[in-house]
């Protein structure tokens, strides 16, 4: 199954490690370090021209999505319940 992250981007639901609210980037030192490293290595993908509302972390990439983390989590749960 797939989750639509915004724009033209979809990922396989089984590839998603975690979905975080965008404001979580300031919640802990470890999260900030992880995101800084992802940015330095070119693994952050910005989706669309709108302000980012969530991070979707997969094994290889970190997507900044304009869709709220709550909406993405609902989509993921909907797909899993099928």
C-alpha atoms as a PDB file:
ATOM      1  CA  UNK A   1       0.000   0.000   0.000  1.00  0.00           C
ATOM      2  CA  UNK A   2       1.015   3.606  -0.513  1.00  0.00           C
ATOM      3  CA  UNK A   3       0.676   6.914   1.330  1.00  0.00           C
ATOM      4  CA  UNK A   4       0.320  10.184  -0.581  1.00  0.00           C
ATOM      5  CA  UNK A   5       2.642  12.744   1.052  1.00  0.00           C
ATOM      6  CA  UNK A   6       1.752  15.784  -1.022  1.00  0.00           C
ATOM      7  CA  UNK A   7       2.562  17.032  -4.486  1.00  0.00           C
ATOM      8  CA  UNK A   8       3.250  14.071  -6.736  1.00  0.00           C
ATOM      9  CA  UNK A   9       4.943  11.997  -4.040  1.00  0.00           C
ATOM     10  CA  UNK A  10       3.801   8.662  -2.681  1.00  0.00           C
ATOM     11  CA  UNK A  11       5.754   6.179  -0.593  1.00  0.00           C
ATOM     12  CA  UNK A  12       5.111   2.585   0.323  1.00  0.00           C
ATOM     13  CA  UNK A  13       3.533   2.462   3.765  1.00  0.00           C
ATOM     14  CA  UNK A  14       5.904  -0.298   4.875  1.00  0.00           C
ATOM     15  CA  UNK A  15       8.885   1.996   4.120  1.00  0.00           C
ATOM     16  CA  UNK A  16       7.717   4.678   6.580  1.00  0.00           C
ATOM     17  CA  UNK A  17       9.617   4.574   9.853  1.00  0.00           C
ATOM     18  CA  UNK A  18       7.950   7.530  11.574  1.00  0.00           C
ATOM     19  CA  UNK A  19       5.714  10.523  10.868  1.00  0.00           C
ATOM     20  CA  UNK A  20       6.528  13.589  12.980  1.00  0.00           C
ATOM     21  CA  UNK A  21       4.857  16.945  13.396  1.00  0.00           C
ATOM     22  CA  UNK A  22       7.064  19.686  11.916  1.00  0.00           C
ATOM     23  CA  UNK A  23       7.373  21.414  15.314  1.00  0.00           C
ATOM     24  CA  UNK A  24       8.964  18.278  16.765  1.00  0.00           C
ATOM     25  CA  UNK A  25      12.255  19.301  15.195  1.00  0.00           C
ATOM     26  CA  UNK A  26      12.819  21.611  18.151  1.00  0.00           C
ATOM     27  CA  UNK A  27      11.664  19.112  20.787  1.00  0.00           C
ATOM     28  CA  UNK A  28      14.927  17.282  21.344  1.00  0.00           C
ATOM     29  CA  UNK A  29      18.617  17.565  20.633  1.00  0.00           C
ATOM     30  CA  UNK A  30      18.691  14.133  18.974  1.00  0.00           C
ATOM     31  CA  UNK A  31      15.901  15.067  16.543  1.00  0.00           C
ATOM     32  CA  UNK A  32      17.683  18.316  15.610  1.00  0.00           C
ATOM     33  CA  UNK A  33      20.961  16.440  15.045  1.00  0.00           C
ATOM     34  CA  UNK A  34      19.261  13.798  12.916  1.00  0.00           C
ATOM     35  CA  UNK A  35      17.579  16.408  10.719  1.00  0.00           C
ATOM     36  CA  UNK A  36      20.786  18.448  10.388  1.00  0.00           C
ATOM     37  CA  UNK A  37      22.673  15.354   9.263  1.00  0.00           C
ATOM     38  CA  UNK A  38      19.919  14.469   6.792  1.00  0.00           C
ATOM     39  CA  UNK A  39      20.080  17.979   5.353  1.00  0.00           C
ATOM     40  CA  UNK A  40      23.883  17.910   5.072  1.00  0.00           C
ATOM     41  CA  UNK A  41      23.804  14.591   3.240  1.00  0.00           C
ATOM     42  CA  UNK A  42      21.047  15.709   0.855  1.00  0.00           C
ATOM     43  CA  UNK A  43      18.406  13.283   2.123  1.00  0.00           C
ATOM     44  CA  UNK A  44      15.738  15.921   2.859  1.00  0.00           C
ATOM     45  CA  UNK A  45      13.090  16.259   0.158  1.00  0.00           C
ATOM     46  CA  UNK A  46      10.793  19.319   0.215  1.00  0.00           C
ATOM     47  CA  UNK A  47       7.339  18.578  -1.168  1.00  0.00           C
ATOM     48  CA  UNK A  48       5.407  21.404  -2.783  1.00  0.00           C
ATOM     49  CA  UNK A  49       5.611  25.150  -2.321  1.00  0.00           C
ATOM     50  CA  UNK A  50       3.496  25.254   0.824  1.00  0.00           C
ATOM     51  CA  UNK A  51       4.851  25.438   4.359  1.00  0.00           C
ATOM     52  CA  UNK A  52       5.893  22.054   5.728  1.00  0.00           C
ATOM     53  CA  UNK A  53       3.655  20.601   8.432  1.00  0.00           C
ATOM     54  CA  UNK A  54       5.266  17.210   8.959  1.00  0.00           C
ATOM     55  CA  UNK A  55       8.322  15.041   8.466  1.00  0.00           C
ATOM     56  CA  UNK A  56       7.992  11.559   7.021  1.00  0.00           C
ATOM     57  CA  UNK A  57      11.113   9.548   7.693  1.00  0.00           C
ATOM     58  CA  UNK A  58      11.989   6.507   5.614  1.00  0.00           C
ATOM     59  CA  UNK A  59      15.176   4.457   5.505  1.00  0.00           C
ATOM     60  CA  UNK A  60      16.718   6.591   2.761  1.00  0.00           C
ATOM     61  CA  UNK A  61      14.965   9.975   2.851  1.00  0.00           C
ATOM     62  CA  UNK A  62      13.250  12.554   5.007  1.00  0.00           C
ATOM     63  CA  UNK A  63      10.230  14.149   3.343  1.00  0.00           C
ATOM     64  CA  UNK A  64       8.950  17.564   4.436  1.00  0.00           C
ATOM     65  CA  UNK A  65       5.248  17.342   3.692  1.00  0.00           C
ATOM     66  CA  UNK A  66       2.645  20.126   3.501  1.00  0.00           C
ATOM     67  CA  UNK A  67       0.109  17.643   4.901  1.00  0.00           C
ATOM     68  CA  UNK A  68      -0.346  17.495   8.682  1.00  0.00           C
ATOM     69  CA  UNK A  69       1.114  14.575  10.587  1.00  0.00           C
ATOM     70  CA  UNK A  70      -2.346  13.692  11.917  1.00  0.00           C
ATOM     71  CA  UNK A  71      -3.759  13.407   8.387  1.00  0.00           C
ATOM     72  CA  UNK A  72      -0.811  11.296   7.231  1.00  0.00           C
ATOM     73  CA  UNK A  73      -1.142   9.000  10.231  1.00  0.00           C
ATOM     74  CA  UNK A  74      -4.853   8.584   9.526  1.00  0.00           C
ATOM     75  CA  UNK A  75      -4.054   7.674   5.926  1.00  0.00           C
ATOM     76  CA  UNK A  76      -1.473   5.145   7.072  1.00  0.00           C
ATOM     77  CA  UNK A  77      -3.881   3.562   9.579  1.00  0.00           C
ATOM     78  CA  UNK A  78      -6.616   3.418   6.959  1.00  0.00           C
ATOM     79  CA  UNK A  79      -4.323   1.559   4.604  1.00  0.00           C
ATOM     80  CA  UNK A  80      -3.236  -0.902   7.293  1.00  0.00           C
ATOM     81  CA  UNK A  81      -6.814  -1.731   8.261  1.00  0.00           C
ATOM     82  CA  UNK A  82      -7.723  -2.920   4.750  1.00  0.00           C
END
